[in-house]
Amino acid sequence: MPKDPAYLESGVRELERYLHSDELYYPLGNRLPQLTLGSILLWLRRGGAPSGKFEMQVMAIRSKWPAAWEAKADREIRSRSDLWMNYLSDYRDDPKSESRLYSQNVRYRVMIHLFLHADHPSDTFLRSVFKAGAFIWEAESEPNFPREQFWYLFGSIQE
């Protein structure tokens, strides 16, 4: 995740239009990743306190358009869950190769958590192949992800 606030600035500016669009993955332009609610929530969480002003804006928009937010969130939860389950399926087929991609793909699991604050059906399997260890993303975002809740960010999966 880039440290540049351009994603949050652009994403928050476009958030209302995005909520009312048919797009699940909304282009922001300027070589920025596509806007989704999960991405916004993840960037806010990873950014910690410096993202506070954006978090207030996002929550205000969410409060203003709760039905649109929930509809978009439901679609994204299904999409991110499918992506996560596909990654785990690929891992089952080729653990050595796919284990190297864990730190990139686990963001889908984090997004699901940020939406649902719950366990995922894949967690039983994930726990069976998980090796506890150090936080896998940049150190400055570690305090924003308590180990008890985000255990899967503190280690890797077996090769």
N, C-alpha and C. Protein backbone atom coordinates (compact mmCIF):
# COMPACT_ATOMS: atom_id res chain seq x y z
N MET A 1 0.84 -1.19 0.00
CA MET A 1 0.00 0.00 0.00
C MET A 1 0.88 1.24 0.00
N PRO A 2 0.70 2.08 -0.96
CA PRO A 2 1.48 3.32 -1.00
C PRO A 2 1.14 4.23 0.17
N LYS A 3 2.09 5.01 0.58
CA LYS A 3 1.88 5.95 1.68
C LYS A 3 1.21 7.24 1.18
N ASP A 4 1.24 7.44 -0.11
CA ASP A 4 0.69 8.63 -0.73
C ASP A 4 -0.81 8.75 -0.41
N PRO A 5 -1.25 9.88 0.12
CA PRO A 5 -2.67 10.04 0.44
C PRO A 5 -3.55 10.27 -0.79
N ALA A 6 -2.97 10.25 -1.97
CA ALA A 6 -3.75 10.53 -3.19
C ALA A 6 -4.92 9.56 -3.35
N TYR A 7 -4.72 8.29 -2.97
CA TYR A 7 -5.82 7.32 -3.11
C TYR A 7 -7.00 7.71 -2.22
N LEU A 8 -6.72 8.01 -0.96
CA LEU A 8 -7.80 8.39 -0.06
C LEU A 8 -8.44 9.71 -0.48
N GLU A 9 -7.63 10.67 -0.89
CA GLU A 9 -8.18 11.95 -1.34
C GLU A 9 -9.12 11.74 -2.53
N SER A 10 -8.65 11.02 -3.53
CA SER A 10 -9.47 10.78 -4.73
C SER A 10 -10.66 9.88 -4.40
N GLY A 11 -10.40 8.85 -3.61
CA GLY A 11 -11.46 7.91 -3.28
C GLY A 11 -12.59 8.55 -2.50
N VAL A 12 -12.25 9.35 -1.52
CA VAL A 12 -13.29 10.02 -0.72
C VAL A 12 -14.04 11.03 -1.59
N ARG A 13 -13.32 11.72 -2.46
CA ARG A 13 -13.96 12.69 -3.35
C ARG A 13 -14.98 12.01 -4.28
N GLU A 14 -14.70 10.78 -4.69
CA GLU A 14 -15.56 10.04 -5.62
C GLU A 14 -16.54 9.09 -4.93
N LEU A 15 -16.48 8.98 -3.62
CA LEU A 15 -17.21 7.94 -2.91
C LEU A 15 -18.72 7.98 -3.14
N GLU A 16 -19.33 9.14 -3.09
CA GLU A 16 -20.78 9.20 -3.30
C GLU A 16 -21.14 8.77 -4.72
N ARG A 17 -20.40 9.24 -5.70
CA ARG A 17 -20.66 8.82 -7.09
C ARG A 17 -20.49 7.31 -7.22
N TYR A 18 -19.44 6.80 -6.58
CA TYR A 18 -19.19 5.36 -6.62
C TYR A 18 -20.36 4.58 -6.01
N LEU A 19 -20.86 5.01 -4.86
CA LEU A 19 -21.95 4.30 -4.21
C LEU A 19 -23.19 4.21 -5.10
N HIS A 20 -23.40 5.21 -5.93
CA HIS A 20 -24.58 5.25 -6.78
C HIS A 20 -24.33 4.71 -8.18
N SER A 21 -23.11 4.25 -8.43
CA SER A 21 -22.79 3.68 -9.73
C SER A 21 -23.07 2.18 -9.72
N ASP A 22 -23.04 1.59 -10.89
CA ASP A 22 -23.19 0.14 -11.01
C ASP A 22 -21.87 -0.59 -10.85
N GLU A 23 -20.78 0.16 -10.85
CA GLU A 23 -19.44 -0.43 -10.80
C GLU A 23 -19.10 -0.93 -9.41
N LEU A 24 -18.50 -2.12 -9.35
CA LEU A 24 -17.95 -2.59 -8.09
C LEU A 24 -16.51 -2.12 -7.95
N TYR A 25 -15.78 -2.14 -9.05
CA TYR A 25 -14.39 -1.65 -9.08
C TYR A 25 -14.39 -0.38 -9.91
N TYR A 26 -14.27 0.75 -9.24
CA TYR A 26 -14.50 2.07 -9.82
C TYR A 26 -13.16 2.73 -10.16
N PRO A 27 -12.94 3.06 -11.42
CA PRO A 27 -11.65 3.67 -11.80
C PRO A 27 -11.49 5.07 -11.23
N LEU A 28 -10.31 5.33 -10.69
CA LEU A 28 -9.99 6.66 -10.16
C LEU A 28 -9.07 7.44 -11.09
N GLY A 29 -8.40 6.77 -11.98
CA GLY A 29 -7.46 7.47 -12.87
C GLY A 29 -6.15 7.76 -12.17
N ASN A 30 -5.28 8.51 -12.85
CA ASN A 30 -3.98 8.90 -12.31
C ASN A 30 -3.17 7.73 -11.77
N ARG A 31 -3.32 6.58 -12.40
CA ARG A 31 -2.58 5.37 -11.99
C ARG A 31 -2.89 4.92 -10.58
N LEU A 32 -4.02 5.31 -10.06
CA LEU A 32 -4.43 4.89 -8.72
C LEU A 32 -5.20 3.58 -8.82
N PRO A 33 -5.13 2.76 -7.77
CA PRO A 33 -5.94 1.53 -7.76
C PRO A 33 -7.42 1.88 -7.84
N GLN A 34 -8.20 0.92 -8.30
CA GLN A 34 -9.64 1.14 -8.40
C GLN A 34 -10.26 1.30 -7.01
N LEU A 35 -11.29 2.10 -6.96
CA LEU A 35 -11.99 2.37 -5.71
C LEU A 35 -12.98 1.26 -5.41
N THR A 36 -12.92 0.75 -4.19
CA THR A 36 -13.95 -0.12 -3.63
C THR A 36 -14.09 0.26 -2.16
N LEU A 37 -15.20 -0.14 -1.56
CA LEU A 37 -15.36 0.13 -0.13
C LEU A 37 -14.31 -0.61 0.67
N GLY A 38 -14.03 -1.85 0.30
CA GLY A 38 -13.01 -2.62 1.01
C GLY A 38 -11.65 -1.98 0.94
N SER A 39 -11.31 -1.45 -0.23
CA SER A 39 -10.02 -0.78 -0.37
C SER A 39 -9.95 0.47 0.50
N ILE A 40 -11.03 1.24 0.50
CA ILE A 40 -11.06 2.44 1.34
C ILE A 40 -10.90 2.04 2.82
N LEU A 41 -11.64 1.03 3.26
CA LEU A 41 -11.55 0.60 4.66
C LEU A 41 -10.14 0.11 4.99
N LEU A 42 -9.54 -0.63 4.06
CA LEU A 42 -8.19 -1.13 4.28
C LEU A 42 -7.17 0.00 4.34
N TRP A 43 -7.26 0.96 3.43
CA TRP A 43 -6.32 2.09 3.43
C TRP A 43 -6.48 2.92 4.69
N LEU A 44 -7.72 3.10 5.14
CA LEU A 44 -7.94 3.84 6.39
C LEU A 44 -7.30 3.12 7.55
N ARG A 45 -7.47 1.81 7.62
CA ARG A 45 -6.91 1.02 8.73
C ARG A 45 -5.40 1.01 8.68
N ARG A 46 -4.84 0.82 7.51
CA ARG A 46 -3.38 0.77 7.40
C ARG A 46 -2.75 2.12 7.69
N GLY A 47 -3.47 3.19 7.36
CA GLY A 47 -2.93 4.54 7.56
C GLY A 47 -2.97 5.01 9.00
N GLY A 48 -3.84 4.42 9.82
CA GLY A 48 -3.92 4.81 11.22
C GLY A 48 -4.37 6.24 11.43
N ALA A 49 -3.86 6.87 12.46
CA ALA A 49 -4.26 8.22 12.87
C ALA A 49 -4.18 9.25 11.76
N PRO A 50 -3.14 9.26 10.92
CA PRO A 50 -3.10 10.27 9.86
C PRO A 50 -4.28 10.19 8.88
N SER A 51 -4.97 9.06 8.86
CA SER A 51 -6.12 8.90 7.97
C SER A 51 -7.42 9.36 8.62
N GLY A 52 -7.35 9.89 9.83
CA GLY A 52 -8.53 10.26 10.59
C GLY A 52 -9.48 11.20 9.89
N LYS A 53 -8.94 12.21 9.20
CA LYS A 53 -9.84 13.17 8.52
C LYS A 53 -10.61 12.47 7.41
N PHE A 54 -9.97 11.51 6.74
CA PHE A 54 -10.65 10.77 5.68
C PHE A 54 -11.70 9.83 6.28
N GLU A 55 -11.37 9.24 7.41
CA GLU A 55 -12.31 8.32 8.06
C GLU A 55 -13.60 9.04 8.44
N MET A 56 -13.49 10.24 8.94
CA MET A 56 -14.68 11.02 9.29
C MET A 56 -15.53 11.28 8.06
N GLN A 57 -14.90 11.61 6.94
CA GLN A 57 -15.64 11.86 5.70
C GLN A 57 -16.31 10.59 5.19
N VAL A 58 -15.59 9.48 5.25
CA VAL A 58 -16.16 8.21 4.80
C VAL A 58 -17.36 7.83 5.65
N MET A 59 -17.24 7.96 6.96
CA MET A 59 -18.35 7.61 7.86
C MET A 59 -19.56 8.53 7.64
N ALA A 60 -19.31 9.78 7.32
CA ALA A 60 -20.41 10.71 7.04
C ALA A 60 -21.15 10.28 5.77
N ILE A 61 -20.41 9.89 4.75
CA ILE A 61 -21.03 9.42 3.50
C ILE A 61 -21.77 8.11 3.74
N ARG A 62 -21.17 7.23 4.52
CA ARG A 62 -21.82 5.95 4.84
C ARG A 62 -23.14 6.20 5.56
N SER A 63 -23.15 7.15 6.50
CA SER A 63 -24.37 7.47 7.24
C SER A 63 -25.43 8.11 6.35
N LYS A 64 -24.98 8.89 5.39
CA LYS A 64 -25.91 9.58 4.48
C LYS A 64 -26.57 8.60 3.51
N TRP A 65 -25.86 7.56 3.10
CA TRP A 65 -26.34 6.62 2.09
C TRP A 65 -26.22 5.17 2.58
N PRO A 66 -26.88 4.82 3.69
CA PRO A 66 -26.69 3.48 4.26
C PRO A 66 -27.13 2.34 3.34
N ALA A 67 -28.22 2.50 2.63
CA ALA A 67 -28.69 1.42 1.75
C ALA A 67 -27.72 1.21 0.59
N ALA A 68 -27.23 2.29 0.02
CA ALA A 68 -26.26 2.18 -1.08
C ALA A 68 -24.97 1.56 -0.59
N TRP A 69 -24.54 1.96 0.61
CA TRP A 69 -23.32 1.39 1.19
C TRP A 69 -23.48 -0.11 1.39
N GLU A 70 -24.59 -0.53 2.00
CA GLU A 70 -24.80 -1.95 2.29
C GLU A 70 -24.89 -2.78 1.01
N ALA A 71 -25.58 -2.24 0.00
CA ALA A 71 -25.69 -2.98 -1.26
C ALA A 71 -24.31 -3.17 -1.90
N LYS A 72 -23.53 -2.13 -1.92
CA LYS A 72 -22.18 -2.20 -2.50
C LYS A 72 -21.30 -3.12 -1.65
N ALA A 73 -21.41 -3.01 -0.33
CA ALA A 73 -20.62 -3.85 0.56
C ALA A 73 -20.96 -5.33 0.38
N ASP A 74 -22.23 -5.65 0.25
CA ASP A 74 -22.63 -7.05 0.04
C ASP A 74 -22.00 -7.62 -1.22
N ARG A 75 -22.04 -6.84 -2.29
CA ARG A 75 -21.41 -7.28 -3.55
C ARG A 75 -19.91 -7.49 -3.37
N GLU A 76 -19.28 -6.56 -2.67
CA GLU A 76 -17.84 -6.66 -2.52
C GLU A 76 -17.45 -7.82 -1.60
N ILE A 77 -18.20 -8.05 -0.56
CA ILE A 77 -17.90 -9.18 0.32
C ILE A 77 -17.91 -10.48 -0.48
N ARG A 78 -18.90 -10.65 -1.33
CA ARG A 78 -18.96 -11.86 -2.17
C ARG A 78 -17.76 -11.93 -3.10
N SER A 79 -17.42 -10.81 -3.71
CA SER A 79 -16.29 -10.77 -4.64
C SER A 79 -14.97 -11.07 -3.93
N ARG A 80 -14.72 -10.40 -2.81
CA ARG A 80 -13.46 -10.60 -2.08
C ARG A 80 -13.39 -12.02 -1.51
N SER A 81 -14.52 -12.54 -1.07
CA SER A 81 -14.54 -13.91 -0.56
C SER A 81 -14.20 -14.90 -1.68
N ASP A 82 -14.75 -14.67 -2.87
CA ASP A 82 -14.42 -15.53 -4.02
C ASP A 82 -12.93 -15.44 -4.35
N LEU A 83 -12.38 -14.24 -4.36
CA LEU A 83 -10.95 -14.07 -4.65
C LEU A 83 -10.10 -14.78 -3.60
N TRP A 84 -10.47 -14.66 -2.34
CA TRP A 84 -9.73 -15.30 -1.26
C TRP A 84 -9.81 -16.83 -1.38
N MET A 85 -11.01 -17.33 -1.61
CA MET A 85 -11.18 -18.78 -1.73
C MET A 85 -10.44 -19.31 -2.97
N ASN A 86 -10.43 -18.55 -4.06
CA ASN A 86 -9.67 -18.95 -5.25
C ASN A 86 -8.18 -19.00 -4.95
N TYR A 87 -7.68 -18.01 -4.21
CA TYR A 87 -6.27 -18.02 -3.84
C TYR A 87 -5.96 -19.27 -3.01
N LEU A 88 -6.80 -19.57 -2.01
CA LEU A 88 -6.56 -20.75 -1.17
C LEU A 88 -6.64 -22.04 -1.98
N SER A 89 -7.51 -22.08 -2.96
CA SER A 89 -7.59 -23.24 -3.83
C SER A 89 -6.30 -23.39 -4.65
N ASP A 90 -5.82 -22.28 -5.17
CA ASP A 90 -4.54 -22.30 -5.90
C ASP A 90 -3.41 -22.74 -4.96
N TYR A 91 -3.46 -22.29 -3.73
CA TYR A 91 -2.45 -22.68 -2.74
C TYR A 91 -2.48 -24.20 -2.51
N ARG A 92 -3.68 -24.75 -2.39
CA ARG A 92 -3.79 -26.20 -2.19
C ARG A 92 -3.14 -26.96 -3.35
N ASP A 93 -3.31 -26.42 -4.55
CA ASP A 93 -2.75 -27.07 -5.75
C ASP A 93 -1.24 -26.90 -5.85
N ASP A 94 -0.71 -25.79 -5.37
CA ASP A 94 0.72 -25.51 -5.50
C ASP A 94 1.21 -24.68 -4.31
N PRO A 95 1.34 -25.31 -3.14
CA PRO A 95 1.72 -24.57 -1.93
C PRO A 95 3.04 -23.83 -2.05
N LYS A 96 4.02 -24.43 -2.68
CA LYS A 96 5.34 -23.80 -2.76
C LYS A 96 5.26 -22.46 -3.51
N SER A 97 4.60 -22.45 -4.63
CA SER A 97 4.51 -21.23 -5.43
C SER A 97 3.56 -20.20 -4.80
N GLU A 98 2.40 -20.65 -4.37
CA GLU A 98 1.37 -19.73 -3.87
C GLU A 98 1.69 -19.17 -2.50
N SER A 99 2.47 -19.88 -1.69
CA SER A 99 2.79 -19.36 -0.36
C SER A 99 3.56 -18.04 -0.46
N ARG A 100 4.29 -17.86 -1.52
CA ARG A 100 5.05 -16.61 -1.73
C ARG A 100 4.13 -15.41 -1.96
N LEU A 101 2.91 -15.68 -2.38
CA LEU A 101 1.95 -14.62 -2.69
C LEU A 101 0.99 -14.31 -1.53
N TYR A 102 1.23 -14.94 -0.41
CA TYR A 102 0.31 -14.80 0.72
C TYR A 102 0.16 -13.35 1.17
N SER A 103 1.27 -12.65 1.35
CA SER A 103 1.19 -11.28 1.90
C SER A 103 0.39 -10.34 1.00
N GLN A 104 0.34 -10.65 -0.29
CA GLN A 104 -0.46 -9.84 -1.21
C GLN A 104 -1.93 -10.24 -1.16
N ASN A 105 -2.19 -11.54 -1.14
CA ASN A 105 -3.56 -12.04 -1.22
C ASN A 105 -4.33 -11.98 0.08
N VAL A 106 -3.63 -11.95 1.21
CA VAL A 106 -4.32 -11.92 2.49
C VAL A 106 -5.12 -10.62 2.67
N ARG A 107 -4.87 -9.64 1.84
CA ARG A 107 -5.65 -8.40 1.94
C ARG A 107 -7.14 -8.68 1.71
N TYR A 108 -7.45 -9.72 0.91
CA TYR A 108 -8.86 -10.07 0.71
C TYR A 108 -9.48 -10.52 2.04
N ARG A 109 -8.73 -11.29 2.80
CA ARG A 109 -9.23 -11.76 4.10
C ARG A 109 -9.39 -10.58 5.05
N VAL A 110 -8.46 -9.64 5.02
CA VAL A 110 -8.56 -8.46 5.87
C VAL A 110 -9.79 -7.64 5.50
N MET A 111 -10.03 -7.44 4.21
CA MET A 111 -11.21 -6.68 3.79
C MET A 111 -12.49 -7.35 4.26
N ILE A 112 -12.56 -8.66 4.14
CA ILE A 112 -13.74 -9.39 4.63
C ILE A 112 -13.92 -9.12 6.11
N HIS A 113 -12.85 -9.17 6.87
CA HIS A 113 -12.90 -8.89 8.31
C HIS A 113 -13.38 -7.46 8.57
N LEU A 114 -12.86 -6.51 7.82
CA LEU A 114 -13.25 -5.11 8.04
C LEU A 114 -14.73 -4.88 7.77
N PHE A 115 -15.30 -5.65 6.86
CA PHE A 115 -16.74 -5.56 6.62
C PHE A 115 -17.55 -6.30 7.68
N LEU A 116 -17.14 -7.52 8.01
CA LEU A 116 -17.97 -8.42 8.80
C LEU A 116 -17.58 -8.57 10.25
N HIS A 117 -16.33 -8.23 10.61
CA HIS A 117 -15.84 -8.41 11.98
C HIS A 117 -16.10 -9.83 12.47
N ALA A 118 -15.84 -10.79 11.59
CA ALA A 118 -16.17 -12.17 11.94
C ALA A 118 -15.16 -13.13 11.33
N ASP A 119 -15.26 -14.36 11.81
CA ASP A 119 -14.47 -15.43 11.21
C ASP A 119 -15.00 -15.69 9.80
N HIS A 120 -14.19 -16.35 9.02
CA HIS A 120 -14.55 -16.70 7.65
C HIS A 120 -14.50 -18.22 7.55
N PRO A 121 -15.33 -18.83 6.71
CA PRO A 121 -15.29 -20.28 6.57
C PRO A 121 -13.91 -20.85 6.23
N SER A 122 -13.06 -20.06 5.64
CA SER A 122 -11.72 -20.52 5.27
C SER A 122 -10.76 -20.56 6.45
N ASP A 123 -11.14 -19.98 7.58
CA ASP A 123 -10.20 -19.86 8.70
C ASP A 123 -9.73 -21.20 9.26
N THR A 124 -10.58 -22.21 9.23
CA THR A 124 -10.17 -23.52 9.73
C THR A 124 -9.01 -24.06 8.90
N PHE A 125 -9.17 -24.00 7.59
CA PHE A 125 -8.07 -24.45 6.72
C PHE A 125 -6.85 -23.56 6.91
N LEU A 126 -7.04 -22.26 6.93
CA LEU A 126 -5.92 -21.33 7.06
C LEU A 126 -5.13 -21.60 8.34
N ARG A 127 -5.83 -21.83 9.43
CA ARG A 127 -5.14 -22.13 10.69
C ARG A 127 -4.31 -23.42 10.58
N SER A 128 -4.76 -24.37 9.78
CA SER A 128 -4.05 -25.65 9.66
C SER A 128 -2.74 -25.53 8.89
N VAL A 129 -2.58 -24.47 8.09
CA VAL A 129 -1.35 -24.30 7.30
C VAL A 129 -0.57 -23.06 7.72
N PHE A 130 -1.06 -22.36 8.71
CA PHE A 130 -0.47 -21.09 9.12
C PHE A 130 0.72 -21.30 10.04
N LYS A 131 1.76 -20.49 9.83
CA LYS A 131 2.94 -20.48 10.71
C LYS A 131 3.02 -19.09 11.33
N ALA A 132 2.83 -19.01 12.63
CA ALA A 132 2.89 -17.71 13.32
C ALA A 132 4.28 -17.12 13.18
N GLY A 133 4.32 -15.80 13.12
CA GLY A 133 5.59 -15.11 12.98
C GLY A 133 5.41 -13.61 13.10
N ALA A 134 6.24 -12.89 12.37
CA ALA A 134 6.23 -11.43 12.40
C ALA A 134 5.10 -10.87 11.54
N PHE A 135 4.75 -9.64 11.82
CA PHE A 135 3.75 -8.92 11.03
C PHE A 135 4.24 -8.84 9.58
N ILE A 136 3.36 -9.09 8.62
CA ILE A 136 3.81 -9.25 7.23
C ILE A 136 3.77 -7.98 6.39
N TRP A 137 3.14 -6.92 6.88
CA TRP A 137 3.10 -5.68 6.13
C TRP A 137 4.05 -4.68 6.77
N GLU A 138 4.02 -3.43 6.31
CA GLU A 138 4.94 -2.42 6.82
C GLU A 138 4.75 -2.23 8.33
N ALA A 139 5.86 -2.07 9.02
CA ALA A 139 5.86 -2.02 10.49
C ALA A 139 4.98 -0.90 11.04
N GLU A 140 4.91 0.23 10.36
CA GLU A 140 4.14 1.35 10.92
C GLU A 140 2.63 1.07 10.96
N SER A 141 2.15 0.12 10.19
CA SER A 141 0.72 -0.18 10.26
C SER A 141 0.40 -1.32 11.24
N GLU A 142 1.42 -1.96 11.78
CA GLU A 142 1.19 -3.08 12.72
C GLU A 142 0.29 -2.71 13.89
N PRO A 143 0.47 -1.54 14.55
CA PRO A 143 -0.40 -1.22 15.69
C PRO A 143 -1.89 -1.12 15.33
N ASN A 144 -2.20 -0.96 14.06
CA ASN A 144 -3.58 -0.81 13.63
C ASN A 144 -4.28 -2.15 13.41
N PHE A 145 -3.52 -3.24 13.57
CA PHE A 145 -4.05 -4.59 13.35
C PHE A 145 -3.72 -5.47 14.55
N PRO A 146 -4.57 -5.43 15.59
CA PRO A 146 -4.30 -6.25 16.77
C PRO A 146 -4.18 -7.74 16.42
N ARG A 147 -3.16 -8.37 16.99
CA ARG A 147 -2.89 -9.78 16.70
C ARG A 147 -4.09 -10.67 17.00
N GLU A 148 -4.84 -10.39 18.06
CA GLU A 148 -5.97 -11.24 18.42
C GLU A 148 -7.02 -11.28 17.30
N GLN A 149 -7.25 -10.15 16.66
CA GLN A 149 -8.26 -10.07 15.61
C GLN A 149 -7.71 -10.42 14.24
N PHE A 150 -6.51 -9.99 13.97
CA PHE A 150 -5.91 -10.16 12.64
C PHE A 150 -4.72 -11.13 12.72
N TRP A 151 -4.93 -12.26 13.36
CA TRP A 151 -3.87 -13.25 13.58
C TRP A 151 -3.19 -13.66 12.29
N TYR A 152 -3.93 -13.70 11.20
CA TYR A 152 -3.42 -14.16 9.90
C TYR A 152 -2.44 -13.17 9.26
N LEU A 153 -2.25 -11.99 9.87
CA LEU A 153 -1.25 -11.04 9.39
C LEU A 153 0.09 -11.19 10.12
N PHE A 154 0.13 -12.10 11.06
CA PHE A 154 1.33 -12.29 11.88
C PHE A 154 1.93 -13.65 11.59
N GLY A 155 2.45 -13.81 10.39
CA GLY A 155 3.08 -15.06 10.00
C GLY A 155 2.92 -15.31 8.51
N SER A 156 2.97 -16.57 8.17
CA SER A 156 2.88 -16.95 6.76
C SER A 156 2.23 -18.32 6.67
N ILE A 157 2.12 -18.83 5.47
CA ILE A 157 1.57 -20.18 5.31
C ILE A 157 2.68 -21.11 4.83
N GLN A 158 2.53 -22.35 5.15
CA GLN A 158 3.56 -23.36 4.84
C GLN A 158 3.74 -23.52 3.34
N GLU A 159 4.99 -23.81 2.97
CA GLU A 159 5.27 -24.08 1.55
C GLU A 159 4.85 -25.45 1.23
